[in-house]
């Protein structure tokens, strides 16, 4: 039970961080898109995570253990993380003076996407680090299982 639930937790983290990297790459790709199907420039997207518990909290698990009960008996989900939604960043668009641009307004200003490359690079680095941490957990889990199989 512990091995498979641990694998599910790590897999949910890997999947969530991969989606986060995909959204960052979409933001970077559309950093100069001034016209979308929805009208107006591209709006930066962000991923919202939520923890999936599926188990007792520490206090409840200790109380159940003190009563002689299995701390997490009867819970089917292993926990982990899930992506609840992908939201658009509500910050204002950047205005750049370029009267020759086809999307310029009457005053000659063009609305550019609210994508900041420094923010996107920081998000990509954070997602990469989180992904790497999940891979490290997966490798440690594999090593523990391998040692368990050696012991028999």
N, C-alpha and C. Protein backbone atom coordinates (compact mmCIF):
# COMPACT_ATOMS: atom_id res chain seq x y z
N UNK A 1 0.83 -1.19 0.00
CA UNK A 1 0.00 0.00 0.00
C UNK A 1 0.87 1.25 0.00
N UNK A 2 1.89 1.29 0.86
CA UNK A 2 2.73 2.46 0.94
C UNK A 2 3.51 2.72 -0.33
N UNK A 3 3.98 1.64 -0.97
CA UNK A 3 4.77 1.79 -2.19
C UNK A 3 3.94 2.40 -3.31
N UNK A 4 2.76 1.84 -3.55
CA UNK A 4 1.93 2.33 -4.66
C UNK A 4 1.39 3.73 -4.39
N UNK A 5 1.01 4.01 -3.16
CA UNK A 5 0.50 5.35 -2.86
C UNK A 5 1.63 6.37 -2.98
N UNK A 6 2.84 5.98 -2.59
CA UNK A 6 3.98 6.88 -2.75
C UNK A 6 4.26 7.17 -4.22
N UNK A 7 4.15 6.14 -5.03
CA UNK A 7 4.32 6.32 -6.48
C UNK A 7 3.27 7.26 -7.05
N UNK A 8 2.03 7.13 -6.58
CA UNK A 8 0.96 8.00 -7.06
C UNK A 8 1.20 9.45 -6.65
N UNK A 9 1.70 9.66 -5.44
CA UNK A 9 1.98 11.02 -4.98
C UNK A 9 3.07 11.65 -5.83
N UNK A 10 4.15 10.93 -6.04
CA UNK A 10 5.25 11.45 -6.85
C UNK A 10 4.79 11.69 -8.29
N UNK A 11 4.01 10.77 -8.83
CA UNK A 11 3.52 10.93 -10.21
C UNK A 11 2.62 12.15 -10.35
N UNK A 12 1.81 12.43 -9.34
CA UNK A 12 0.95 13.62 -9.41
C UNK A 12 1.79 14.89 -9.40
N UNK A 13 2.87 14.89 -8.63
CA UNK A 13 3.77 16.04 -8.63
C UNK A 13 4.47 16.23 -9.96
N UNK A 14 4.93 15.13 -10.55
CA UNK A 14 5.57 15.21 -11.86
C UNK A 14 4.62 15.73 -12.92
N UNK A 15 3.40 15.24 -12.91
CA UNK A 15 2.40 15.67 -13.90
C UNK A 15 2.05 17.14 -13.72
N UNK A 16 1.88 17.57 -12.48
CA UNK A 16 1.52 18.97 -12.22
C UNK A 16 2.64 19.91 -12.65
N UNK A 17 3.88 19.56 -12.35
CA UNK A 17 4.99 20.44 -12.72
C UNK A 17 5.22 20.44 -14.23
N UNK A 18 4.94 19.32 -14.89
CA UNK A 18 5.05 19.29 -16.35
C UNK A 18 4.03 20.24 -16.98
N UNK A 19 2.80 20.23 -16.46
CA UNK A 19 1.79 21.16 -16.96
C UNK A 19 2.20 22.60 -16.70
N UNK A 20 2.79 22.86 -15.53
CA UNK A 20 3.26 24.21 -15.22
C UNK A 20 4.31 24.66 -16.22
N UNK A 21 5.24 23.77 -16.56
CA UNK A 21 6.26 24.10 -17.58
C UNK A 21 5.62 24.33 -18.94
N UNK A 22 4.60 23.56 -19.28
CA UNK A 22 3.90 23.76 -20.55
C UNK A 22 3.25 25.14 -20.60
N UNK A 23 2.65 25.57 -19.50
CA UNK A 23 2.00 26.88 -19.47
C UNK A 23 3.04 27.99 -19.56
N UNK A 24 4.18 27.82 -18.89
CA UNK A 24 5.26 28.82 -18.99
C UNK A 24 5.74 28.93 -20.44
N UNK A 25 5.89 27.79 -21.10
CA UNK A 25 6.35 27.84 -22.49
C UNK A 25 5.30 28.48 -23.40
N UNK A 26 4.02 28.26 -23.11
CA UNK A 26 2.97 28.93 -23.87
C UNK A 26 3.04 30.44 -23.67
N UNK A 27 3.27 30.88 -22.44
CA UNK A 27 3.39 32.31 -22.15
C UNK A 27 4.56 32.92 -22.90
N UNK A 28 5.71 32.24 -22.88
CA UNK A 28 6.89 32.76 -23.57
C UNK A 28 6.65 32.81 -25.08
N UNK A 29 6.02 31.78 -25.60
CA UNK A 29 5.75 31.73 -27.04
C UNK A 29 4.85 32.88 -27.47
N UNK A 30 3.88 33.24 -26.65
CA UNK A 30 2.92 34.28 -27.02
C UNK A 30 3.26 35.64 -26.43
N UNK A 31 4.51 35.85 -26.04
CA UNK A 31 4.89 37.11 -25.39
C UNK A 31 4.78 38.32 -26.31
N UNK A 32 4.66 38.11 -27.61
CA UNK A 32 4.51 39.24 -28.55
C UNK A 32 3.22 39.16 -29.35
N UNK A 33 2.28 38.31 -28.94
CA UNK A 33 1.02 38.15 -29.66
C UNK A 33 0.08 39.29 -29.29
N UNK A 34 -0.24 40.12 -30.26
CA UNK A 34 -1.09 41.30 -30.00
C UNK A 34 -2.54 41.08 -30.39
N UNK A 35 -2.83 39.96 -31.03
CA UNK A 35 -4.21 39.72 -31.46
C UNK A 35 -4.55 38.25 -31.25
N UNK A 36 -5.61 37.99 -30.48
CA UNK A 36 -6.05 36.62 -30.22
C UNK A 36 -7.48 36.45 -30.71
N UNK A 37 -7.97 35.21 -30.67
CA UNK A 37 -9.35 34.94 -31.06
C UNK A 37 -10.34 35.63 -30.13
N UNK A 38 -9.96 35.77 -28.86
CA UNK A 38 -10.84 36.42 -27.90
C UNK A 38 -10.83 37.93 -28.06
N UNK A 39 -9.93 38.45 -28.85
CA UNK A 39 -9.80 39.89 -29.03
C UNK A 39 -8.76 40.45 -28.08
N UNK A 40 -7.96 41.35 -28.57
CA UNK A 40 -6.91 41.94 -27.74
C UNK A 40 -5.68 41.07 -27.68
N UNK A 41 -4.69 41.51 -26.93
CA UNK A 41 -3.45 40.74 -26.84
C UNK A 41 -3.58 39.49 -25.98
N UNK A 42 -2.59 38.65 -26.07
CA UNK A 42 -2.53 37.43 -25.26
C UNK A 42 -2.43 37.81 -23.79
N UNK A 43 -3.14 37.09 -22.95
CA UNK A 43 -3.07 37.32 -21.51
C UNK A 43 -2.34 36.15 -20.86
N UNK A 44 -1.36 36.46 -20.03
CA UNK A 44 -0.54 35.46 -19.34
C UNK A 44 -1.42 34.49 -18.55
N UNK A 45 -1.03 33.21 -18.58
CA UNK A 45 -1.76 32.17 -17.84
C UNK A 45 -0.92 31.68 -16.67
N UNK A 46 -1.62 31.23 -15.62
CA UNK A 46 -0.97 30.69 -14.44
C UNK A 46 -1.69 29.41 -14.01
N UNK A 47 -0.95 28.49 -13.40
CA UNK A 47 -1.50 27.22 -12.94
C UNK A 47 -1.79 27.32 -11.45
N UNK A 48 -2.96 26.83 -11.04
CA UNK A 48 -3.34 26.81 -9.63
C UNK A 48 -3.31 25.36 -9.16
N UNK A 49 -2.50 25.10 -8.13
CA UNK A 49 -2.37 23.77 -7.55
C UNK A 49 -3.23 23.64 -6.30
N UNK A 50 -3.61 22.40 -6.00
CA UNK A 50 -4.31 22.11 -4.76
C UNK A 50 -3.80 20.76 -4.26
N UNK A 51 -3.58 20.70 -2.95
CA UNK A 51 -3.13 19.43 -2.39
C UNK A 51 -4.31 18.46 -2.32
N UNK A 52 -4.02 17.20 -2.55
CA UNK A 52 -5.02 16.16 -2.45
C UNK A 52 -4.60 15.31 -1.27
N UNK A 53 -5.35 15.39 -0.19
CA UNK A 53 -4.93 14.73 1.03
C UNK A 53 -5.33 13.27 1.03
N UNK A 54 -6.61 12.98 1.09
CA UNK A 54 -7.05 11.60 1.09
C UNK A 54 -6.71 10.84 2.36
N UNK A 55 -6.10 11.50 3.31
CA UNK A 55 -5.70 10.84 4.54
C UNK A 55 -5.97 11.76 5.73
N UNK A 56 -5.87 11.15 6.91
CA UNK A 56 -6.01 11.93 8.13
C UNK A 56 -4.85 12.91 8.26
N UNK A 57 -5.12 14.03 8.90
CA UNK A 57 -4.04 14.91 9.26
C UNK A 57 -3.22 14.26 10.37
N UNK A 58 -2.12 14.85 10.72
CA UNK A 58 -1.22 14.27 11.72
C UNK A 58 -1.93 14.08 13.06
N UNK A 59 -2.66 15.10 13.48
CA UNK A 59 -3.34 15.02 14.78
C UNK A 59 -4.38 13.90 14.80
N UNK A 60 -5.16 13.80 13.72
CA UNK A 60 -6.19 12.76 13.65
C UNK A 60 -5.56 11.38 13.57
N UNK A 61 -4.45 11.24 12.84
CA UNK A 61 -3.76 9.94 12.75
C UNK A 61 -3.21 9.54 14.10
N UNK A 62 -2.65 10.49 14.85
CA UNK A 62 -2.13 10.17 16.19
C UNK A 62 -3.27 9.77 17.14
N UNK A 63 -4.40 10.45 17.03
CA UNK A 63 -5.54 10.11 17.88
C UNK A 63 -6.05 8.72 17.57
N UNK A 64 -6.13 8.38 16.29
CA UNK A 64 -6.58 7.04 15.91
C UNK A 64 -5.57 5.99 16.38
N UNK A 65 -4.27 6.29 16.27
CA UNK A 65 -3.24 5.34 16.71
C UNK A 65 -3.30 5.15 18.22
N UNK A 66 -3.57 6.23 18.96
CA UNK A 66 -3.66 6.14 20.42
C UNK A 66 -4.84 5.28 20.84
N UNK A 67 -5.88 5.27 20.01
CA UNK A 67 -7.06 4.43 20.30
C UNK A 67 -6.87 3.00 19.82
N UNK A 68 -5.70 2.69 19.28
CA UNK A 68 -5.43 1.34 18.80
C UNK A 68 -5.96 1.06 17.41
N UNK A 69 -6.34 2.11 16.68
CA UNK A 69 -6.87 1.95 15.32
C UNK A 69 -5.77 2.26 14.31
N UNK A 70 -5.94 1.74 13.11
CA UNK A 70 -5.00 2.07 12.03
C UNK A 70 -5.19 3.54 11.66
N UNK A 71 -4.11 4.30 11.59
CA UNK A 71 -4.23 5.75 11.39
C UNK A 71 -4.95 6.17 10.11
N UNK A 72 -4.81 5.45 9.03
CA UNK A 72 -5.40 5.88 7.77
C UNK A 72 -6.25 4.79 7.13
N UNK A 73 -6.76 3.91 7.92
CA UNK A 73 -7.53 2.79 7.40
C UNK A 73 -8.81 3.28 6.71
N UNK A 74 -9.07 2.73 5.55
CA UNK A 74 -10.30 3.04 4.84
C UNK A 74 -10.19 4.17 3.83
N UNK A 75 -9.02 4.76 3.69
CA UNK A 75 -8.87 5.85 2.72
C UNK A 75 -8.35 5.28 1.42
N UNK A 76 -8.99 5.68 0.32
CA UNK A 76 -8.65 5.10 -0.97
C UNK A 76 -7.63 5.92 -1.74
N UNK A 77 -7.67 7.23 -1.61
CA UNK A 77 -6.75 8.06 -2.38
C UNK A 77 -5.43 8.20 -1.66
N UNK A 78 -4.38 8.34 -2.43
CA UNK A 78 -3.04 8.38 -1.86
C UNK A 78 -2.60 9.79 -1.52
N UNK A 79 -3.24 10.79 -2.05
CA UNK A 79 -2.80 12.16 -1.83
C UNK A 79 -1.99 12.65 -3.00
N UNK A 80 -1.34 13.76 -2.82
CA UNK A 80 -0.51 14.34 -3.85
C UNK A 80 -0.93 15.75 -4.17
N UNK A 81 -0.88 16.10 -5.43
CA UNK A 81 -1.22 17.45 -5.87
C UNK A 81 -2.04 17.35 -7.15
N UNK A 82 -2.94 18.29 -7.33
CA UNK A 82 -3.70 18.32 -8.58
C UNK A 82 -3.78 19.77 -9.07
N UNK A 83 -3.98 19.92 -10.35
CA UNK A 83 -4.18 21.24 -10.94
C UNK A 83 -5.67 21.51 -10.93
N UNK A 84 -6.08 22.54 -10.20
CA UNK A 84 -7.51 22.83 -10.11
C UNK A 84 -7.98 23.66 -11.29
N UNK A 85 -7.14 24.60 -11.74
CA UNK A 85 -7.52 25.41 -12.89
C UNK A 85 -6.31 26.15 -13.44
N UNK A 86 -6.48 26.64 -14.64
CA UNK A 86 -5.50 27.51 -15.27
C UNK A 86 -6.17 28.86 -15.40
N UNK A 87 -5.62 29.86 -14.72
CA UNK A 87 -6.24 31.18 -14.68
C UNK A 87 -5.42 32.17 -15.50
N UNK A 88 -6.09 33.25 -15.90
CA UNK A 88 -5.41 34.31 -16.62
C UNK A 88 -4.97 35.39 -15.64
N UNK A 89 -3.79 35.94 -15.87
CA UNK A 89 -3.23 36.99 -15.03
C UNK A 89 -3.99 38.29 -15.29
N UNK A 90 -4.58 38.89 -14.25
CA UNK A 90 -5.40 40.09 -14.47
C UNK A 90 -4.61 41.40 -14.59
N UNK A 91 -3.29 41.35 -14.56
CA UNK A 91 -2.53 42.60 -14.63
C UNK A 91 -2.74 43.27 -15.98
N UNK A 92 -2.46 44.57 -16.00
CA UNK A 92 -2.68 45.37 -17.21
C UNK A 92 -1.69 44.99 -18.31
N UNK A 93 -2.12 45.23 -19.53
CA UNK A 93 -1.23 45.02 -20.67
C UNK A 93 -0.21 46.15 -20.73
N UNK A 94 0.91 45.89 -21.40
CA UNK A 94 1.94 46.92 -21.60
C UNK A 94 1.56 47.75 -22.82
N UNK A 95 1.75 49.05 -22.73
CA UNK A 95 1.51 49.94 -23.86
C UNK A 95 2.85 50.38 -24.45
N UNK A 96 2.99 50.22 -25.76
CA UNK A 96 4.21 50.61 -26.45
C UNK A 96 3.81 51.50 -27.62
N UNK A 97 4.54 52.61 -27.79
CA UNK A 97 4.25 53.52 -28.89
C UNK A 97 4.87 52.98 -30.17
N UNK A 98 4.00 52.62 -31.12
CA UNK A 98 4.43 52.12 -32.42
C UNK A 98 3.30 52.39 -33.41
N UNK A 99 3.25 53.62 -33.96
CA UNK A 99 2.14 53.99 -34.84
C UNK A 99 2.08 53.19 -36.14
N UNK A 100 3.15 52.50 -36.52
CA UNK A 100 3.17 51.72 -37.76
C UNK A 100 2.66 50.30 -37.57
N UNK A 101 2.43 49.89 -36.32
CA UNK A 101 1.96 48.53 -36.03
C UNK A 101 0.50 48.40 -36.46
N UNK A 102 0.11 47.28 -37.07
CA UNK A 102 -1.28 47.13 -37.52
C UNK A 102 -2.32 47.13 -36.39
N UNK A 103 -1.91 46.82 -35.16
CA UNK A 103 -2.85 46.81 -34.04
C UNK A 103 -2.77 48.07 -33.18
N UNK A 104 -2.11 49.12 -33.69
CA UNK A 104 -1.99 50.37 -32.92
C UNK A 104 -3.34 51.08 -32.87
N UNK A 105 -3.60 51.73 -31.74
CA UNK A 105 -4.84 52.50 -31.61
C UNK A 105 -4.67 53.87 -32.27
N UNK A 106 -5.67 54.74 -32.12
CA UNK A 106 -5.63 56.05 -32.77
C UNK A 106 -4.45 56.90 -32.31
N UNK A 107 -4.01 56.71 -31.08
CA UNK A 107 -2.89 57.48 -30.54
C UNK A 107 -1.55 56.87 -30.91
N UNK A 108 -1.54 55.73 -31.56
CA UNK A 108 -0.30 55.09 -31.98
C UNK A 108 0.26 54.09 -30.99
N UNK A 109 -0.50 53.76 -29.95
CA UNK A 109 -0.03 52.82 -28.94
C UNK A 109 -0.55 51.40 -29.23
N UNK A 110 0.30 50.42 -28.96
CA UNK A 110 -0.05 49.02 -29.14
C UNK A 110 -0.09 48.36 -27.76
N UNK A 111 -1.15 47.60 -27.51
CA UNK A 111 -1.21 46.83 -26.28
C UNK A 111 -0.47 45.52 -26.49
N UNK A 112 0.54 45.29 -25.65
CA UNK A 112 1.32 44.05 -25.71
C UNK A 112 0.93 43.15 -24.55
N UNK A 113 1.13 41.86 -24.67
CA UNK A 113 0.75 40.92 -23.60
C UNK A 113 1.40 41.27 -22.26
N UNK A 114 0.78 40.84 -21.18
CA UNK A 114 1.28 41.10 -19.83
C UNK A 114 2.28 40.03 -19.39
N UNK A 115 3.04 39.51 -20.33
CA UNK A 115 4.04 38.47 -20.06
C UNK A 115 5.37 39.14 -19.76
N UNK A 116 5.90 38.87 -18.57
CA UNK A 116 7.20 39.39 -18.17
C UNK A 116 8.19 38.23 -18.23
N UNK A 117 9.23 38.38 -19.02
CA UNK A 117 10.17 37.28 -19.24
C UNK A 117 10.90 36.88 -17.95
N UNK A 118 11.20 37.84 -17.08
CA UNK A 118 11.88 37.51 -15.82
C UNK A 118 10.98 36.62 -14.96
N UNK A 119 9.69 36.96 -14.90
CA UNK A 119 8.74 36.15 -14.14
C UNK A 119 8.62 34.75 -14.73
N UNK A 120 8.58 34.68 -16.05
CA UNK A 120 8.45 33.37 -16.70
C UNK A 120 9.69 32.51 -16.47
N UNK A 121 10.87 33.12 -16.51
CA UNK A 121 12.10 32.36 -16.26
C UNK A 121 12.13 31.87 -14.82
N UNK A 122 11.71 32.72 -13.89
CA UNK A 122 11.66 32.31 -12.48
C UNK A 122 10.66 31.17 -12.28
N UNK A 123 9.50 31.26 -12.91
CA UNK A 123 8.51 30.18 -12.81
C UNK A 123 9.05 28.88 -13.42
N UNK A 124 9.72 29.00 -14.54
CA UNK A 124 10.29 27.81 -15.18
C UNK A 124 11.36 27.18 -14.30
N UNK A 125 12.18 28.00 -13.67
CA UNK A 125 13.21 27.47 -12.78
C UNK A 125 12.60 26.78 -11.56
N UNK A 126 11.56 27.39 -11.00
CA UNK A 126 10.89 26.79 -9.84
C UNK A 126 10.22 25.47 -10.21
N UNK A 127 9.58 25.43 -11.36
CA UNK A 127 8.94 24.20 -11.81
C UNK A 127 9.98 23.11 -12.09
N UNK A 128 11.10 23.49 -12.66
CA UNK A 128 12.17 22.54 -12.94
C UNK A 128 12.74 21.97 -11.64
N UNK A 129 12.92 22.82 -10.65
CA UNK A 129 13.43 22.35 -9.36
C UNK A 129 12.44 21.40 -8.68
N UNK A 130 11.16 21.75 -8.74
CA UNK A 130 10.14 20.89 -8.15
C UNK A 130 10.07 19.55 -8.89
N UNK A 131 10.18 19.59 -10.20
CA UNK A 131 10.18 18.36 -10.99
C UNK A 131 11.39 17.50 -10.60
N UNK A 132 12.54 18.14 -10.47
CA UNK A 132 13.76 17.43 -10.09
C UNK A 132 13.63 16.81 -8.70
N UNK A 133 12.99 17.52 -7.78
CA UNK A 133 12.78 16.97 -6.44
C UNK A 133 11.88 15.74 -6.49
N UNK A 134 10.88 15.77 -7.35
CA UNK A 134 10.00 14.61 -7.49
C UNK A 134 10.75 13.43 -8.11
N UNK A 135 11.63 13.69 -9.05
CA UNK A 135 12.43 12.61 -9.64
C UNK A 135 13.35 12.01 -8.58
N UNK A 136 13.92 12.86 -7.72
CA UNK A 136 14.77 12.38 -6.64
C UNK A 136 13.97 11.48 -5.69
N UNK A 137 12.75 11.89 -5.38
CA UNK A 137 11.88 11.06 -4.52
C UNK A 137 11.59 9.72 -5.19
N UNK A 138 11.33 9.75 -6.47
CA UNK A 138 11.04 8.51 -7.19
C UNK A 138 12.24 7.58 -7.17
N UNK A 139 13.44 8.13 -7.37
CA UNK A 139 14.65 7.31 -7.34
C UNK A 139 14.89 6.73 -5.94
N UNK A 140 14.64 7.51 -4.91
CA UNK A 140 14.79 7.01 -3.54
C UNK A 140 13.78 5.90 -3.27
N UNK A 141 12.58 6.07 -3.75
CA UNK A 141 11.55 5.04 -3.57
C UNK A 141 11.94 3.75 -4.28
N UNK A 142 12.49 3.88 -5.48
CA UNK A 142 12.95 2.69 -6.21
C UNK A 142 14.07 1.99 -5.45
N UNK A 143 14.98 2.75 -4.86
CA UNK A 143 16.08 2.16 -4.10
C UNK A 143 15.57 1.42 -2.86
N UNK A 144 14.58 2.00 -2.18
CA UNK A 144 13.99 1.35 -1.01
C UNK A 144 13.32 0.05 -1.41
N UNK A 145 12.59 0.07 -2.49
CA UNK A 145 11.91 -1.16 -2.94
C UNK A 145 12.93 -2.21 -3.35
N UNK A 146 14.00 -1.80 -4.02
CA UNK A 146 15.04 -2.75 -4.44
C UNK A 146 15.69 -3.41 -3.21
N UNK A 147 15.96 -2.59 -2.18
CA UNK A 147 16.54 -3.15 -0.96
C UNK A 147 15.57 -4.10 -0.29
N UNK A 148 14.29 -3.76 -0.30
CA UNK A 148 13.27 -4.64 0.27
C UNK A 148 13.18 -5.96 -0.45
N UNK A 149 13.36 -5.94 -1.75
CA UNK A 149 13.32 -7.19 -2.53
C UNK A 149 14.57 -8.03 -2.27
N UNK A 150 15.70 -7.36 -1.98
CA UNK A 150 16.93 -8.11 -1.66
C UNK A 150 16.77 -8.85 -0.34
N UNK A 151 16.09 -8.21 0.62
CA UNK A 151 15.90 -8.81 1.93
C UNK A 151 14.93 -9.99 1.85
N UNK A 152 13.94 -9.87 1.01
CA UNK A 152 12.90 -10.86 0.79
C UNK A 152 11.97 -10.85 1.95
